[in-house]
Amino acid sequence: MVTVNVVVLAGTVAADPVEKTMPSGDKLTEFRLSVPEAGKRLLPLPIAVWDRSLARNALKGVGKGDEVLVHGLLARRFYRSGDSGRAVMEVVATGIKKLEHAQTE
């Protein structure tokens, strides 16, 4: 069986990226990307950045309101919160590119 898990999204960063340290000691950078859905709704999608150099660039080069192109894969992550288990579906970024607007003269 052949499987393909590739996600490419263009949207607006909804909040500044935030770095978290996981209990394992790994660093995670997260932000939400607002992507236009059919009609006028915006779909807020969680983006996770595990790669250190990509996370460093996201923290210093991307902020709320920026338009970006995100390459990655869809992942489901499980974690414990108190006494219960939780799951989150997120896009794990493998590439982030800030989009520039064309200047009109």
Protein backbone atom coordinates (compact mmCIF):
# COMPACT_ATOMS: atom_id res chain seq x y z
CA MET A 1 0.00 0.00 0.00
CA VAL A 2 1.29 3.44 -0.93
CA THR A 3 0.67 6.32 1.45
CA VAL A 4 1.39 10.00 0.96
CA ASN A 5 1.27 12.54 3.76
CA VAL A 6 2.15 15.96 2.37
CA VAL A 7 0.55 19.24 3.42
CA VAL A 8 1.10 22.62 1.75
CA LEU A 9 -0.80 25.57 3.24
CA ALA A 10 -0.82 29.31 2.61
CA GLY A 11 -2.36 31.50 5.26
CA THR A 12 -1.98 34.20 7.90
CA VAL A 13 -0.19 33.67 11.20
CA ALA A 14 -2.89 34.14 13.88
CA ALA A 15 -0.52 34.68 16.84
CA ASP A 16 3.22 35.01 17.40
CA PRO A 17 5.04 31.66 17.51
CA VAL A 18 5.64 30.32 21.04
CA GLU A 19 8.45 28.02 22.12
CA LYS A 20 7.71 25.27 24.66
CA THR A 21 9.95 22.75 26.39
CA MET A 22 8.44 19.28 26.56
CA PRO A 23 8.87 17.01 29.63
CA SER A 24 11.40 15.01 27.56
CA GLY A 25 13.52 18.15 27.15
CA ASP A 26 12.70 18.55 23.45
CA LYS A 27 11.85 22.06 22.25
CA LEU A 28 8.66 22.69 20.30
CA THR A 29 7.63 25.90 18.55
CA GLU A 30 3.89 26.30 17.90
CA PHE A 31 1.65 28.80 16.15
CA ARG A 32 -1.78 28.88 14.54
CA LEU A 33 -2.24 29.47 10.84
CA SER A 34 -5.55 30.90 9.60
CA VAL A 35 -6.33 29.36 6.22
CA PRO A 36 -9.32 30.45 4.11
CA GLU A 37 -11.93 27.72 3.86
CA ALA A 38 -14.66 27.53 1.21
CA GLY A 39 -16.78 30.66 1.61
CA LYS A 40 -15.59 33.37 3.98
CA ARG A 41 -14.64 31.25 7.02
CA LEU A 42 -11.08 30.99 8.28
CA LEU A 43 -9.85 27.61 9.45
CA PRO A 44 -7.36 27.94 12.35
CA LEU A 45 -4.78 25.15 12.04
CA PRO A 46 -2.12 24.30 14.65
CA ILE A 47 1.43 24.24 13.27
CA ALA A 48 4.21 22.44 15.18
CA VAL A 49 7.89 23.01 14.44
CA TRP A 50 10.25 20.40 15.89
CA ASP A 51 13.32 21.14 13.73
CA ARG A 52 15.59 23.45 15.76
CA SER A 53 16.90 25.64 12.93
CA LEU A 54 13.44 25.99 11.37
CA ALA A 55 11.98 26.83 14.79
CA ARG A 56 14.68 29.46 15.40
CA ASN A 57 13.88 31.10 12.05
CA ALA A 58 10.14 30.98 12.79
CA LEU A 59 10.61 32.61 16.20
CA LYS A 60 12.64 35.52 14.86
CA GLY A 61 11.25 35.94 11.34
CA VAL A 62 7.51 35.22 11.55
CA GLY A 63 4.92 37.11 13.56
CA LYS A 64 1.21 37.68 13.92
CA GLY A 65 -0.36 38.90 10.69
CA ASP A 66 2.41 37.60 8.40
CA GLU A 67 1.39 35.58 5.38
CA VAL A 68 3.35 32.33 5.10
CA LEU A 69 3.58 29.16 3.08
CA VAL A 70 3.96 26.03 5.24
CA HIS A 71 5.18 22.65 3.96
CA GLY A 72 4.82 19.65 6.24
CA LEU A 73 2.87 16.57 7.17
CA LEU A 74 -0.29 15.87 9.11
CA ALA A 75 0.31 14.20 12.48
CA ARG A 76 -1.67 13.10 15.51
CA ARG A 77 0.15 13.52 18.80
CA PHE A 78 -0.92 12.00 22.12
CA TYR A 79 -0.05 13.43 25.53
CA ARG A 80 -1.18 13.29 29.15
CA SER A 81 -2.91 16.21 30.81
CA GLY A 82 -3.53 15.56 34.48
CA ASP A 83 -5.26 12.20 34.84
CA SER A 84 -6.51 11.99 31.28
CA GLY A 85 -4.97 11.41 27.87
CA ARG A 86 -5.38 13.92 25.07
CA ALA A 87 -4.74 13.96 21.35
CA VAL A 88 -4.10 16.80 18.92
CA MET A 89 -4.05 16.84 15.12
CA GLU A 90 -1.46 19.28 13.81
CA VAL A 91 0.71 20.08 10.84
CA VAL A 92 4.36 19.29 11.55
CA ALA A 93 6.24 21.88 9.52
CA THR A 94 9.25 20.86 7.43
CA GLY A 95 9.47 24.26 5.71
CA ILE A 96 8.15 27.78 6.30
CA LYS A 97 8.43 30.62 3.82
CA LYS A 98 7.28 34.18 4.50
CA LEU A 99 5.29 35.48 1.54
CA GLU A 100 5.96 38.98 0.26
CA HIS A 101 3.28 41.13 -1.34
CA ALA A 102 3.96 42.45 -4.80
CA GLN A 103 4.45 46.21 -4.65
CA THR A 104 2.35 48.25 -7.05
CA GLU A 105 3.82 51.44 -8.46
